[in-house]
């Protein structure tokens, strides 16, 4: 499991944070899956093992493994289906062999990008997507909840940044409006003074005045 490293604002900058499905621990005596290179060598042994009639206890173990396999695959598929835009990898599974010699998935993980974006709107959208992907399964694991928390912090950061940005824009708009009103008043005052000056200006010195007795 990859640890989640939080920075000063509580957002993981690392990509590929893993969502790990926490599953019931199986009997320690069950053989674990071997690397692919060795599986071919053990194929005859597994077939011989599987050909044996299973005891009731082994049949119960197989039934439990089949149910766990279905649950694990459904869990990871839920992450993938809901993680559009934030999923960074396909589901990776860990396997064990059952008493019947077959492999069964008992754990899985899906990569999720939790890095912050530059724009507040992008962080809001990404945070919502991360939360949706992390909590999509019917039974979220503790790791799923931790990743969802990171998504919630990213969304909250985006909303805070957007709110501050909008407040700054409103302040600038108010200042522009105030400047425009002041300019309008000054222009109105200049126009009024010009009209007064024109109305009370002395007659042209070149004009003549006629007086009749």
N, C-alpha and C. Protein backbone atom coordinates (compact mmCIF):
# COMPACT_ATOMS: atom_id res chain seq x y z
N UNK A 1 0.84 -1.19 0.00
CA UNK A 1 0.00 0.00 0.00
C UNK A 1 0.89 1.25 0.00
N UNK A 2 0.52 2.22 -0.81
CA UNK A 2 1.28 3.48 -0.88
C UNK A 2 0.76 4.44 0.17
N UNK A 3 1.64 5.00 0.97
CA UNK A 3 1.23 5.96 1.98
C UNK A 3 0.82 7.28 1.35
N UNK A 4 0.01 8.04 2.09
CA UNK A 4 -0.46 9.34 1.61
C UNK A 4 0.32 10.42 2.32
N UNK A 5 1.06 11.20 1.56
CA UNK A 5 1.86 12.28 2.13
C UNK A 5 1.11 13.59 1.98
N UNK A 6 0.81 14.24 3.10
CA UNK A 6 0.06 15.48 3.07
C UNK A 6 1.00 16.67 3.17
N UNK A 7 0.73 17.69 2.37
CA UNK A 7 1.53 18.90 2.46
C UNK A 7 0.86 19.91 3.39
N UNK A 8 1.31 21.15 3.38
CA UNK A 8 0.83 22.13 4.36
C UNK A 8 -0.65 22.44 4.23
N UNK A 9 -1.21 22.26 3.03
CA UNK A 9 -2.63 22.56 2.87
C UNK A 9 -3.47 21.30 2.88
N UNK A 10 -2.84 20.17 3.21
CA UNK A 10 -3.61 18.95 3.36
C UNK A 10 -3.97 18.26 2.07
N UNK A 11 -3.27 18.56 0.97
CA UNK A 11 -3.58 17.94 -0.30
C UNK A 11 -2.39 17.12 -0.75
N UNK A 12 -2.61 15.88 -1.10
CA UNK A 12 -1.52 15.04 -1.59
C UNK A 12 -1.11 15.48 -2.98
N UNK A 13 0.16 15.69 -3.18
CA UNK A 13 0.67 16.07 -4.49
C UNK A 13 1.15 14.86 -5.28
N UNK A 14 1.13 13.69 -4.67
CA UNK A 14 1.61 12.49 -5.35
C UNK A 14 0.51 11.88 -6.18
N UNK A 15 0.86 11.44 -7.38
CA UNK A 15 -0.12 10.79 -8.23
C UNK A 15 -0.11 9.28 -7.96
N UNK A 16 -1.26 8.68 -8.27
CA UNK A 16 -1.35 7.23 -8.12
C UNK A 16 -1.55 6.79 -6.69
N UNK A 17 -2.24 7.58 -5.87
CA UNK A 17 -2.60 7.11 -4.53
C UNK A 17 -3.48 5.88 -4.70
N UNK A 18 -3.16 4.78 -3.98
CA UNK A 18 -3.85 3.52 -4.22
C UNK A 18 -5.06 3.39 -3.31
N UNK A 19 -6.17 2.92 -3.91
CA UNK A 19 -7.36 2.55 -3.16
C UNK A 19 -7.29 1.04 -2.93
N UNK A 20 -7.10 0.61 -1.69
CA UNK A 20 -6.89 -0.81 -1.42
C UNK A 20 -8.15 -1.39 -0.80
N UNK A 21 -8.70 -2.41 -1.39
CA UNK A 21 -9.89 -3.08 -0.85
C UNK A 21 -9.47 -3.95 0.33
N UNK A 22 -9.98 -3.64 1.52
CA UNK A 22 -9.66 -4.41 2.71
C UNK A 22 -10.59 -5.63 2.76
N UNK A 23 -10.00 -6.80 2.79
CA UNK A 23 -10.78 -8.02 2.71
C UNK A 23 -10.48 -8.97 3.87
N UNK A 24 -11.40 -9.90 4.09
CA UNK A 24 -11.28 -10.90 5.14
C UNK A 24 -10.00 -11.71 4.96
N UNK A 25 -9.28 -11.90 6.02
CA UNK A 25 -8.05 -12.68 5.98
C UNK A 25 -8.39 -14.16 5.82
N UNK A 26 -7.70 -14.83 4.89
CA UNK A 26 -7.95 -16.24 4.64
C UNK A 26 -7.07 -17.12 5.51
N UNK A 27 -7.37 -18.41 5.49
CA UNK A 27 -6.60 -19.40 6.23
C UNK A 27 -5.13 -19.32 5.80
N UNK A 28 -4.23 -19.20 6.78
CA UNK A 28 -2.81 -19.03 6.45
C UNK A 28 -2.24 -20.25 5.74
N UNK A 29 -2.93 -21.37 5.83
CA UNK A 29 -2.40 -22.57 5.17
C UNK A 29 -2.68 -22.61 3.69
N UNK A 30 -3.54 -21.69 3.18
CA UNK A 30 -3.84 -21.69 1.76
C UNK A 30 -2.60 -21.27 0.97
N UNK A 31 -2.27 -21.98 -0.10
CA UNK A 31 -1.09 -21.60 -0.89
C UNK A 31 -1.29 -20.29 -1.58
N UNK A 32 -0.27 -19.45 -1.60
CA UNK A 32 -0.33 -18.15 -2.26
C UNK A 32 0.00 -18.30 -3.74
N UNK A 33 -0.50 -17.37 -4.55
CA UNK A 33 -0.23 -17.40 -5.99
C UNK A 33 1.25 -17.17 -6.24
N UNK A 34 1.81 -17.90 -7.17
CA UNK A 34 3.22 -17.77 -7.51
C UNK A 34 3.38 -16.85 -8.71
N UNK A 35 4.57 -16.29 -8.93
CA UNK A 35 4.82 -15.46 -10.12
C UNK A 35 4.51 -16.24 -11.38
N UNK A 36 4.20 -15.49 -12.45
CA UNK A 36 3.77 -16.10 -13.70
C UNK A 36 4.81 -17.06 -14.23
N UNK A 37 6.11 -16.77 -14.04
CA UNK A 37 7.17 -17.60 -14.58
C UNK A 37 7.15 -19.00 -13.99
N UNK A 38 6.64 -19.14 -12.75
CA UNK A 38 6.65 -20.44 -12.10
C UNK A 38 5.30 -21.14 -12.18
N UNK A 39 4.27 -20.42 -12.58
CA UNK A 39 2.95 -21.02 -12.63
C UNK A 39 2.90 -22.16 -13.64
N UNK A 40 3.59 -21.99 -14.78
CA UNK A 40 3.58 -23.03 -15.79
C UNK A 40 4.22 -24.31 -15.27
N UNK A 41 5.25 -24.18 -14.41
CA UNK A 41 5.92 -25.33 -13.86
C UNK A 41 5.02 -26.09 -12.90
N UNK A 42 4.13 -25.37 -12.21
CA UNK A 42 3.30 -26.01 -11.20
C UNK A 42 1.93 -26.39 -11.73
N UNK A 43 1.68 -26.15 -13.03
CA UNK A 43 0.38 -26.43 -13.60
C UNK A 43 -0.02 -27.90 -13.43
N UNK A 44 0.84 -28.87 -13.75
CA UNK A 44 0.45 -30.27 -13.57
C UNK A 44 0.10 -30.60 -12.13
N UNK A 45 0.89 -30.03 -11.20
CA UNK A 45 0.62 -30.30 -9.78
C UNK A 45 -0.72 -29.75 -9.36
N UNK A 46 -1.04 -28.56 -9.86
CA UNK A 46 -2.33 -27.96 -9.49
C UNK A 46 -3.47 -28.77 -10.08
N UNK A 47 -3.31 -29.22 -11.33
CA UNK A 47 -4.37 -30.01 -11.94
C UNK A 47 -4.59 -31.31 -11.18
N UNK A 48 -3.47 -31.93 -10.76
CA UNK A 48 -3.59 -33.15 -9.97
C UNK A 48 -4.27 -32.87 -8.64
N UNK A 49 -3.91 -31.72 -8.04
CA UNK A 49 -4.49 -31.35 -6.76
C UNK A 49 -5.98 -31.09 -6.92
N UNK A 50 -6.35 -30.40 -8.04
CA UNK A 50 -7.74 -30.03 -8.26
C UNK A 50 -8.59 -31.23 -8.60
N UNK A 51 -7.96 -32.28 -9.14
CA UNK A 51 -8.73 -33.46 -9.54
C UNK A 51 -9.20 -34.27 -8.34
N UNK A 52 -8.58 -34.06 -7.19
CA UNK A 52 -8.99 -34.77 -6.00
C UNK A 52 -10.36 -34.29 -5.52
N UNK A 53 -11.08 -35.17 -4.93
CA UNK A 53 -12.37 -34.80 -4.38
C UNK A 53 -12.16 -33.93 -3.14
N UNK A 54 -12.88 -32.82 -3.09
CA UNK A 54 -12.71 -31.88 -1.99
C UNK A 54 -13.54 -32.32 -0.79
N UNK A 55 -12.99 -32.06 0.38
CA UNK A 55 -13.73 -32.33 1.61
C UNK A 55 -14.78 -31.24 1.79
N UNK A 56 -15.78 -31.46 2.63
CA UNK A 56 -16.77 -30.41 2.88
C UNK A 56 -16.14 -29.10 3.35
N UNK A 57 -15.10 -29.21 4.16
CA UNK A 57 -14.42 -27.98 4.62
C UNK A 57 -13.75 -27.26 3.46
N UNK A 58 -13.13 -28.02 2.57
CA UNK A 58 -12.48 -27.41 1.41
C UNK A 58 -13.51 -26.81 0.45
N UNK A 59 -14.63 -27.47 0.31
CA UNK A 59 -15.70 -26.94 -0.53
C UNK A 59 -16.21 -25.61 0.03
N UNK A 60 -16.29 -25.54 1.36
CA UNK A 60 -16.69 -24.29 1.99
C UNK A 60 -15.66 -23.20 1.75
N UNK A 61 -14.37 -23.55 1.81
CA UNK A 61 -13.31 -22.59 1.53
C UNK A 61 -13.40 -22.08 0.09
N UNK A 62 -13.67 -22.98 -0.84
CA UNK A 62 -13.80 -22.57 -2.24
C UNK A 62 -14.98 -21.62 -2.41
N UNK A 63 -16.09 -21.94 -1.77
CA UNK A 63 -17.27 -21.07 -1.87
C UNK A 63 -16.96 -19.68 -1.32
N UNK A 64 -16.23 -19.63 -0.19
CA UNK A 64 -15.86 -18.34 0.39
C UNK A 64 -14.92 -17.57 -0.54
N UNK A 65 -13.97 -18.28 -1.13
CA UNK A 65 -13.03 -17.63 -2.05
C UNK A 65 -13.75 -17.10 -3.28
N UNK A 66 -14.70 -17.84 -3.78
CA UNK A 66 -15.47 -17.38 -4.94
C UNK A 66 -16.24 -16.10 -4.60
N UNK A 67 -16.81 -16.07 -3.41
CA UNK A 67 -17.56 -14.87 -2.99
C UNK A 67 -16.61 -13.68 -2.82
N UNK A 68 -15.44 -13.91 -2.21
CA UNK A 68 -14.47 -12.85 -2.02
C UNK A 68 -13.99 -12.34 -3.37
N UNK A 69 -13.73 -13.25 -4.30
CA UNK A 69 -13.29 -12.87 -5.63
C UNK A 69 -14.32 -11.96 -6.31
N UNK A 70 -15.58 -12.33 -6.24
CA UNK A 70 -16.64 -11.50 -6.84
C UNK A 70 -16.72 -10.14 -6.16
N UNK A 71 -16.61 -10.15 -4.84
CA UNK A 71 -16.72 -8.90 -4.09
C UNK A 71 -15.55 -7.96 -4.40
N UNK A 72 -14.33 -8.53 -4.45
CA UNK A 72 -13.15 -7.71 -4.73
C UNK A 72 -13.24 -7.10 -6.13
N UNK A 73 -13.63 -7.91 -7.11
CA UNK A 73 -13.71 -7.41 -8.48
C UNK A 73 -14.80 -6.36 -8.63
N UNK A 74 -15.92 -6.57 -7.96
CA UNK A 74 -17.01 -5.57 -8.01
C UNK A 74 -16.58 -4.28 -7.33
N UNK A 75 -15.82 -4.41 -6.24
CA UNK A 75 -15.32 -3.25 -5.50
C UNK A 75 -14.43 -2.38 -6.39
N UNK A 76 -13.47 -3.02 -7.04
CA UNK A 76 -12.54 -2.26 -7.88
C UNK A 76 -13.23 -1.72 -9.14
N UNK A 77 -14.18 -2.48 -9.69
CA UNK A 77 -14.91 -2.00 -10.85
C UNK A 77 -15.73 -0.76 -10.51
N UNK A 78 -16.24 -0.70 -9.29
CA UNK A 78 -16.99 0.48 -8.86
C UNK A 78 -16.08 1.71 -8.84
N UNK A 79 -14.84 1.54 -8.35
CA UNK A 79 -13.88 2.64 -8.39
C UNK A 79 -13.66 3.11 -9.83
N UNK A 80 -13.44 2.15 -10.73
CA UNK A 80 -13.15 2.48 -12.12
C UNK A 80 -14.33 3.18 -12.79
N UNK A 81 -15.52 2.68 -12.55
CA UNK A 81 -16.71 3.23 -13.20
C UNK A 81 -16.98 4.66 -12.77
N UNK A 82 -16.69 4.98 -11.50
CA UNK A 82 -16.99 6.31 -10.98
C UNK A 82 -15.81 7.26 -11.05
N UNK A 83 -14.65 6.77 -11.49
CA UNK A 83 -13.44 7.59 -11.42
C UNK A 83 -13.02 8.24 -12.72
N UNK A 84 -13.96 8.55 -13.59
CA UNK A 84 -13.60 9.17 -14.86
C UNK A 84 -12.83 10.48 -14.63
N UNK A 85 -11.67 10.56 -15.26
CA UNK A 85 -10.88 11.78 -15.16
C UNK A 85 -9.86 11.78 -14.04
N UNK A 86 -9.96 10.85 -13.08
CA UNK A 86 -9.00 10.82 -11.97
C UNK A 86 -8.33 9.46 -11.81
N UNK A 87 -8.86 8.43 -12.44
CA UNK A 87 -8.25 7.10 -12.36
C UNK A 87 -6.98 7.09 -13.20
N UNK A 88 -5.90 6.58 -12.63
CA UNK A 88 -4.61 6.57 -13.34
C UNK A 88 -4.15 5.18 -13.73
N UNK A 89 -4.86 4.15 -13.28
CA UNK A 89 -4.44 2.79 -13.64
C UNK A 89 -5.63 1.86 -13.57
N UNK A 90 -5.52 0.76 -14.29
CA UNK A 90 -6.53 -0.29 -14.20
C UNK A 90 -6.40 -0.99 -12.85
N UNK A 91 -7.38 -1.82 -12.55
CA UNK A 91 -7.35 -2.53 -11.27
C UNK A 91 -6.24 -3.57 -11.27
N UNK A 92 -5.50 -3.62 -10.17
CA UNK A 92 -4.47 -4.64 -9.96
C UNK A 92 -4.93 -5.51 -8.80
N UNK A 93 -4.86 -6.82 -8.99
CA UNK A 93 -5.37 -7.74 -7.98
C UNK A 93 -4.25 -8.59 -7.39
N UNK A 94 -4.43 -8.98 -6.14
CA UNK A 94 -3.58 -9.99 -5.51
C UNK A 94 -4.42 -11.26 -5.40
N UNK A 95 -3.76 -12.42 -5.57
CA UNK A 95 -4.47 -13.68 -5.67
C UNK A 95 -3.99 -14.69 -4.63
N UNK A 96 -4.83 -15.69 -4.41
CA UNK A 96 -4.45 -16.86 -3.63
C UNK A 96 -5.02 -18.09 -4.33
N UNK A 97 -4.43 -19.25 -4.07
CA UNK A 97 -4.95 -20.50 -4.61
C UNK A 97 -5.95 -21.10 -3.62
N UNK A 98 -7.01 -21.63 -4.17
CA UNK A 98 -7.98 -22.34 -3.35
C UNK A 98 -7.66 -23.83 -3.29
N UNK A 99 -8.38 -24.56 -2.47
CA UNK A 99 -8.17 -26.02 -2.38
C UNK A 99 -8.41 -26.73 -3.71
N UNK A 100 -9.11 -26.05 -4.63
CA UNK A 100 -9.36 -26.64 -5.94
C UNK A 100 -8.24 -26.34 -6.93
N UNK A 101 -7.18 -25.65 -6.49
CA UNK A 101 -6.05 -25.35 -7.35
C UNK A 101 -6.24 -24.13 -8.22
N UNK A 102 -7.34 -23.42 -8.08
CA UNK A 102 -7.61 -22.24 -8.90
C UNK A 102 -7.23 -20.96 -8.15
N UNK A 103 -6.98 -19.90 -8.94
CA UNK A 103 -6.64 -18.60 -8.37
C UNK A 103 -7.91 -17.81 -8.08
N UNK A 104 -7.88 -17.09 -6.96
CA UNK A 104 -9.00 -16.22 -6.60
C UNK A 104 -8.44 -14.88 -6.13
N UNK A 105 -9.07 -13.81 -6.60
CA UNK A 105 -8.66 -12.46 -6.17
C UNK A 105 -9.10 -12.24 -4.73
N UNK A 106 -8.17 -11.79 -3.90
CA UNK A 106 -8.49 -11.53 -2.50
C UNK A 106 -8.16 -10.09 -2.10
N UNK A 107 -7.66 -9.30 -3.04
CA UNK A 107 -7.35 -7.89 -2.77
C UNK A 107 -7.16 -7.17 -4.09
N UNK A 108 -7.32 -5.86 -4.07
CA UNK A 108 -7.16 -5.10 -5.29
C UNK A 108 -6.87 -3.65 -5.01
N UNK A 109 -6.45 -2.94 -6.06
CA UNK A 109 -6.15 -1.52 -5.92
C UNK A 109 -6.35 -0.83 -7.26
N UNK A 110 -6.72 0.44 -7.19
CA UNK A 110 -6.89 1.28 -8.38
C UNK A 110 -6.17 2.59 -8.12
N UNK A 111 -5.37 3.06 -9.09
CA UNK A 111 -4.62 4.32 -8.92
C UNK A 111 -5.53 5.52 -9.11
N UNK A 112 -5.40 6.51 -8.21
CA UNK A 112 -6.20 7.73 -8.26
C UNK A 112 -5.26 8.94 -8.22
N UNK A 113 -5.47 9.90 -9.10
CA UNK A 113 -4.68 11.13 -9.13
C UNK A 113 -5.29 12.14 -8.16
N UNK A 114 -4.53 12.50 -7.12
CA UNK A 114 -5.02 13.45 -6.13
C UNK A 114 -4.24 14.76 -6.16
N UNK A 115 -3.47 15.00 -7.21
CA UNK A 115 -2.68 16.23 -7.29
C UNK A 115 -3.59 17.45 -7.49
N UNK A 116 -3.17 18.60 -6.95
CA UNK A 116 -3.95 19.83 -7.06
C UNK A 116 -3.82 20.43 -8.45
N UNK A 117 -4.86 21.12 -8.88
CA UNK A 117 -4.86 21.83 -10.16
C UNK A 117 -4.59 23.33 -9.92
N UNK A 118 -4.43 24.08 -11.00
CA UNK A 118 -4.10 25.50 -10.87
C UNK A 118 -5.35 26.36 -10.61
N UNK A 119 -6.45 26.03 -11.27
CA UNK A 119 -7.64 26.86 -11.15
C UNK A 119 -8.58 26.34 -10.06
N UNK A 120 -9.22 27.24 -9.31
CA UNK A 120 -10.14 26.80 -8.25
C UNK A 120 -11.25 25.90 -8.77
N UNK A 121 -11.82 26.27 -9.93
CA UNK A 121 -12.92 25.47 -10.47
C UNK A 121 -12.46 24.04 -10.77
N UNK A 122 -11.22 23.90 -11.25
CA UNK A 122 -10.69 22.57 -11.56
C UNK A 122 -10.49 21.75 -10.28
N UNK A 123 -10.05 22.40 -9.20
CA UNK A 123 -9.89 21.69 -7.93
C UNK A 123 -11.24 21.25 -7.36
N UNK A 124 -12.24 22.08 -7.51
CA UNK A 124 -13.58 21.71 -7.03
C UNK A 124 -14.06 20.48 -7.78
N UNK A 125 -13.96 20.53 -9.09
CA UNK A 125 -14.42 19.41 -9.92
C UNK A 125 -13.62 18.14 -9.63
N UNK A 126 -12.31 18.27 -9.50
CA UNK A 126 -11.47 17.10 -9.26
C UNK A 126 -11.72 16.51 -7.88
N UNK A 127 -11.89 17.39 -6.90
CA UNK A 127 -12.17 16.89 -5.55
C UNK A 127 -13.46 16.10 -5.49
N UNK A 128 -14.47 16.56 -6.20
CA UNK A 128 -15.75 15.85 -6.25
C UNK A 128 -15.58 14.50 -6.94
N UNK A 129 -14.81 14.48 -8.01
CA UNK A 129 -14.58 13.22 -8.74
C UNK A 129 -13.83 12.21 -7.87
N UNK A 130 -12.82 12.69 -7.14
CA UNK A 130 -12.06 11.80 -6.27
C UNK A 130 -12.96 11.18 -5.21
N UNK A 131 -13.80 12.00 -4.60
CA UNK A 131 -14.70 11.47 -3.58
C UNK A 131 -15.67 10.45 -4.17
N UNK A 132 -16.18 10.73 -5.37
CA UNK A 132 -17.11 9.80 -6.00
C UNK A 132 -16.43 8.47 -6.30
N UNK A 133 -15.18 8.54 -6.78
CA UNK A 133 -14.45 7.31 -7.11
C UNK A 133 -14.12 6.52 -5.84
N UNK A 134 -13.69 7.21 -4.80
CA UNK A 134 -13.27 6.53 -3.57
C UNK A 134 -14.44 5.86 -2.85
N UNK A 135 -15.60 6.49 -2.87
CA UNK A 135 -16.74 5.99 -2.11
C UNK A 135 -17.75 5.26 -2.97
N UNK A 136 -17.38 4.94 -4.22
CA UNK A 136 -18.31 4.27 -5.11
C UNK A 136 -18.69 2.86 -4.66
N UNK A 137 -17.77 2.05 -4.11
CA UNK A 137 -18.16 0.70 -3.68
C UNK A 137 -19.18 0.73 -2.55
N UNK A 138 -19.90 -0.37 -2.42
CA UNK A 138 -20.89 -0.46 -1.34
C UNK A 138 -20.22 -0.54 0.02
N UNK A 139 -18.98 -1.03 0.03
CA UNK A 139 -18.26 -1.21 1.30
C UNK A 139 -16.90 -0.54 1.23
N UNK A 140 -16.83 0.80 1.26
CA UNK A 140 -15.54 1.48 1.18
C UNK A 140 -14.59 1.01 2.28
N UNK A 141 -13.32 0.87 1.94
CA UNK A 141 -12.31 0.47 2.90
C UNK A 141 -11.79 1.69 3.64
N UNK A 142 -11.01 1.50 4.71
CA UNK A 142 -10.40 2.64 5.40
C UNK A 142 -9.55 3.49 4.46
N UNK A 143 -8.81 2.84 3.55
CA UNK A 143 -8.02 3.59 2.58
C UNK A 143 -8.92 4.39 1.65
N UNK A 144 -10.06 3.82 1.28
CA UNK A 144 -11.01 4.54 0.42
C UNK A 144 -11.46 5.82 1.12
N UNK A 145 -11.74 5.72 2.41
CA UNK A 145 -12.19 6.90 3.16
C UNK A 145 -11.07 7.94 3.26
N UNK A 146 -9.83 7.48 3.38
CA UNK A 146 -8.72 8.44 3.45
C UNK A 146 -8.57 9.19 2.13
N UNK A 147 -8.70 8.48 1.01
CA UNK A 147 -8.61 9.13 -0.29
C UNK A 147 -9.80 10.07 -0.49
N UNK A 148 -10.98 9.66 -0.05
CA UNK A 148 -12.15 10.54 -0.15
C UNK A 148 -11.93 11.82 0.65
N UNK A 149 -11.26 11.69 1.80
CA UNK A 149 -10.97 12.86 2.62
C UNK A 149 -10.06 13.83 1.88
N UNK A 150 -9.07 13.29 1.16
CA UNK A 150 -8.19 14.14 0.36
C UNK A 150 -8.99 14.86 -0.71
N UNK A 151 -9.92 14.13 -1.33
CA UNK A 151 -10.77 14.77 -2.33
C UNK A 151 -11.61 15.87 -1.73
N UNK A 152 -12.13 15.65 -0.51
CA UNK A 152 -12.91 16.68 0.16
C UNK A 152 -12.08 17.92 0.47
N UNK A 153 -10.83 17.72 0.88
CA UNK A 153 -9.95 18.84 1.15
C UNK A 153 -9.63 19.61 -0.13
N UNK A 154 -9.45 18.88 -1.22
CA UNK A 154 -9.18 19.53 -2.50
C UNK A 154 -10.38 20.35 -2.95
N UNK A 155 -11.56 19.81 -2.78
CA UNK A 155 -12.77 20.56 -3.14
C UNK A 155 -12.91 21.80 -2.26
N UNK A 156 -12.68 21.64 -0.96
CA UNK A 156 -12.79 22.78 -0.04
C UNK A 156 -11.77 23.85 -0.39
N UNK A 157 -10.56 23.43 -0.73
CA UNK A 157 -9.53 24.40 -1.13
C UNK A 157 -9.98 25.17 -2.37
N UNK A 158 -10.53 24.43 -3.35
CA UNK A 158 -11.01 25.09 -4.56
C UNK A 158 -12.11 26.09 -4.28
N UNK A 159 -13.05 25.72 -3.42
CA UNK A 159 -14.16 26.63 -3.10
C UNK A 159 -13.65 27.85 -2.34
N UNK A 160 -12.70 27.65 -1.45
CA UNK A 160 -12.13 28.78 -0.72
C UNK A 160 -11.41 29.74 -1.66
N UNK A 161 -10.60 29.18 -2.55
CA UNK A 161 -9.87 30.01 -3.52
C UNK A 161 -10.83 30.74 -4.45
N UNK A 162 -11.90 30.04 -4.86
CA UNK A 162 -12.87 30.66 -5.76
C UNK A 162 -13.60 31.79 -5.05
N UNK A 163 -13.97 31.58 -3.78
CA UNK A 163 -14.65 32.61 -3.01
C UNK A 163 -13.77 33.84 -2.84
N UNK A 164 -12.48 33.62 -2.54
CA UNK A 164 -11.56 34.74 -2.39
C UNK A 164 -11.37 35.46 -3.73
N UNK A 165 -11.28 34.71 -4.81
CA UNK A 165 -11.11 35.30 -6.13
C UNK A 165 -12.33 36.14 -6.50
N UNK A 166 -13.51 35.64 -6.22
CA UNK A 166 -14.74 36.38 -6.52
C UNK A 166 -14.84 37.64 -5.66
N UNK A 167 -14.41 37.55 -4.40
CA UNK A 167 -14.43 38.73 -3.53
C UNK A 167 -13.47 39.80 -4.05
N UNK A 168 -12.30 39.38 -4.51
CA UNK A 168 -11.35 40.34 -5.07
C UNK A 168 -11.91 40.99 -6.34
N UNK A 169 -12.59 40.18 -7.14
CA UNK A 169 -13.19 40.73 -8.37
C UNK A 169 -14.29 41.73 -8.04
N UNK A 170 -15.10 41.43 -7.01
CA UNK A 170 -16.15 42.37 -6.60
C UNK A 170 -15.54 43.67 -6.08
N UNK A 171 -14.45 43.56 -5.34
CA UNK A 171 -13.78 44.76 -4.82
C UNK A 171 -13.26 45.61 -5.96
N UNK A 172 -12.62 44.98 -6.94
CA UNK A 172 -12.11 45.72 -8.08
C UNK A 172 -13.25 46.35 -8.88
N UNK A 173 -14.35 45.64 -9.02
CA UNK A 173 -15.49 46.18 -9.75
C UNK A 173 -16.08 47.39 -9.02
N UNK A 174 -16.16 47.30 -7.69
CA UNK A 174 -16.67 48.43 -6.91
C UNK A 174 -15.76 49.64 -7.04
N UNK A 175 -14.44 49.42 -7.04
CA UNK A 175 -13.49 50.52 -7.19
C UNK A 175 -13.63 51.15 -8.58
N UNK A 176 -13.79 50.32 -9.61
CA UNK A 176 -13.98 50.86 -10.96
C UNK A 176 -15.26 51.68 -11.06
N UNK A 177 -16.33 51.18 -10.46
CA UNK A 177 -17.59 51.91 -10.48
C UNK A 177 -17.47 53.25 -9.74
N UNK A 178 -16.75 53.25 -8.61
CA UNK A 178 -16.57 54.48 -7.85
C UNK A 178 -15.77 55.50 -8.66
N UNK A 179 -14.75 55.03 -9.34
CA UNK A 179 -13.95 55.92 -10.18
C UNK A 179 -14.78 56.49 -11.33
N UNK A 180 -15.61 55.65 -11.91
CA UNK A 180 -16.46 56.12 -13.00
C UNK A 180 -17.46 57.16 -12.51
N UNK A 181 -18.04 56.95 -11.31
CA UNK A 181 -18.97 57.94 -10.76
C UNK A 181 -18.26 59.26 -10.46
N UNK A 182 -17.04 59.16 -9.94
CA UNK A 182 -16.29 60.37 -9.64
C UNK A 182 -15.95 61.13 -10.91
N UNK A 183 -15.57 60.40 -11.94
CA UNK A 183 -15.28 61.05 -13.22
C UNK A 183 -16.54 61.70 -13.79
N UNK A 184 -17.69 61.04 -13.65
CA UNK A 184 -18.94 61.60 -14.14
C UNK A 184 -19.29 62.88 -13.41
N UNK A 185 -19.07 62.89 -12.07
CA UNK A 185 -19.36 64.10 -11.29
C UNK A 185 -18.44 65.24 -11.73
N UNK A 186 -17.16 64.92 -11.92
CA UNK A 186 -16.22 65.95 -12.34
C UNK A 186 -16.59 66.51 -13.70
N UNK A 187 -16.97 65.63 -14.60
CA UNK A 187 -17.37 66.09 -15.93
C UNK A 187 -18.64 66.94 -15.86
N UNK A 188 -19.57 66.52 -15.01
CA UNK A 188 -20.80 67.30 -14.85
C UNK A 188 -20.49 68.67 -14.26
N UNK A 189 -19.56 68.71 -13.29
CA UNK A 189 -19.18 69.98 -12.69
C UNK A 189 -18.51 70.90 -13.68
N UNK A 190 -17.63 70.38 -14.50
CA UNK A 190 -16.95 71.17 -15.53
C UNK A 190 -17.95 71.74 -16.52
N UNK A 191 -18.91 70.89 -16.91
CA UNK A 191 -19.92 71.35 -17.88
C UNK A 191 -20.78 72.45 -17.29
N UNK A 192 -21.12 72.32 -16.01
CA UNK A 192 -21.94 73.35 -15.36
C UNK A 192 -21.20 74.66 -15.24
N UNK A 193 -19.92 74.59 -14.89
CA UNK A 193 -19.14 75.81 -14.78
C UNK A 193 -19.01 76.52 -16.13
N UNK A 194 -18.86 75.71 -17.16
CA UNK A 194 -18.75 76.31 -18.49
C UNK A 194 -20.05 77.03 -18.87
N UNK A 195 -21.19 76.47 -18.55
CA UNK A 195 -22.46 77.13 -18.88
C UNK A 195 -22.63 78.42 -18.10
N UNK A 196 -22.23 78.39 -16.83
CA UNK A 196 -22.34 79.60 -16.01
C UNK A 196 -21.43 80.70 -16.54
N UNK A 197 -20.19 80.29 -16.87
CA UNK A 197 -19.25 81.27 -17.39
C UNK A 197 -19.75 81.87 -18.70
N UNK A 198 -20.34 81.07 -19.54
CA UNK A 198 -20.86 81.57 -20.80
C UNK A 198 -22.04 82.52 -20.58
N UNK A 199 -22.88 82.21 -19.60
CA UNK A 199 -24.07 83.03 -19.35
C UNK A 199 -23.70 84.39 -18.76
N UNK A 200 -22.68 84.44 -17.95
CA UNK A 200 -22.32 85.68 -17.27
C UNK A 200 -21.05 86.31 -17.83
N UNK A 201 -20.61 85.89 -18.96
CA UNK A 201 -19.41 86.49 -19.54
C UNK A 201 -19.72 87.90 -20.01
N UNK A 202 -18.80 88.96 -19.90
CA UNK A 202 -19.05 90.35 -20.34
C UNK A 202 -19.22 90.42 -21.85
N UNK A 203 -19.92 91.46 -22.35
CA UNK A 203 -20.12 91.60 -23.79
C UNK A 203 -18.79 91.81 -24.50
N UNK A 204 -18.82 91.45 -25.75
CA UNK A 204 -17.62 91.59 -26.57
C UNK A 204 -17.18 93.04 -26.60
N UNK A 205 -15.92 93.32 -26.28
CA UNK A 205 -15.42 94.71 -26.22
C UNK A 205 -15.49 95.41 -27.57
N UNK A 206 -15.60 94.62 -28.62
CA UNK A 206 -15.66 95.25 -29.95
C UNK A 206 -17.09 95.66 -30.35
N UNK A 207 -18.05 95.31 -29.53
CA UNK A 207 -19.43 95.66 -29.87
C UNK A 207 -19.73 97.13 -29.60
N UNK A 208 -20.84 97.67 -30.15
CA UNK A 208 -21.24 99.09 -29.96
C UNK A 208 -22.56 99.17 -29.27
N UNK A 209 -22.75 100.25 -28.57
CA UNK A 209 -24.01 100.50 -27.86
C UNK A 209 -24.65 101.79 -28.36
N UNK A 210 -25.88 101.70 -28.87
CA UNK A 210 -26.59 102.89 -29.39
C UNK A 210 -27.60 103.36 -28.37
N UNK A 211 -27.60 104.70 -28.15
CA UNK A 211 -28.52 105.31 -27.18
C UNK A 211 -29.38 106.32 -27.90
N UNK A 212 -30.67 106.20 -27.74
CA UNK A 212 -31.60 107.16 -28.39
C UNK A 212 -32.28 107.98 -27.32
N UNK A 213 -32.36 109.34 -27.64
CA UNK A 213 -33.02 110.25 -26.72
C UNK A 213 -34.45 110.44 -27.16
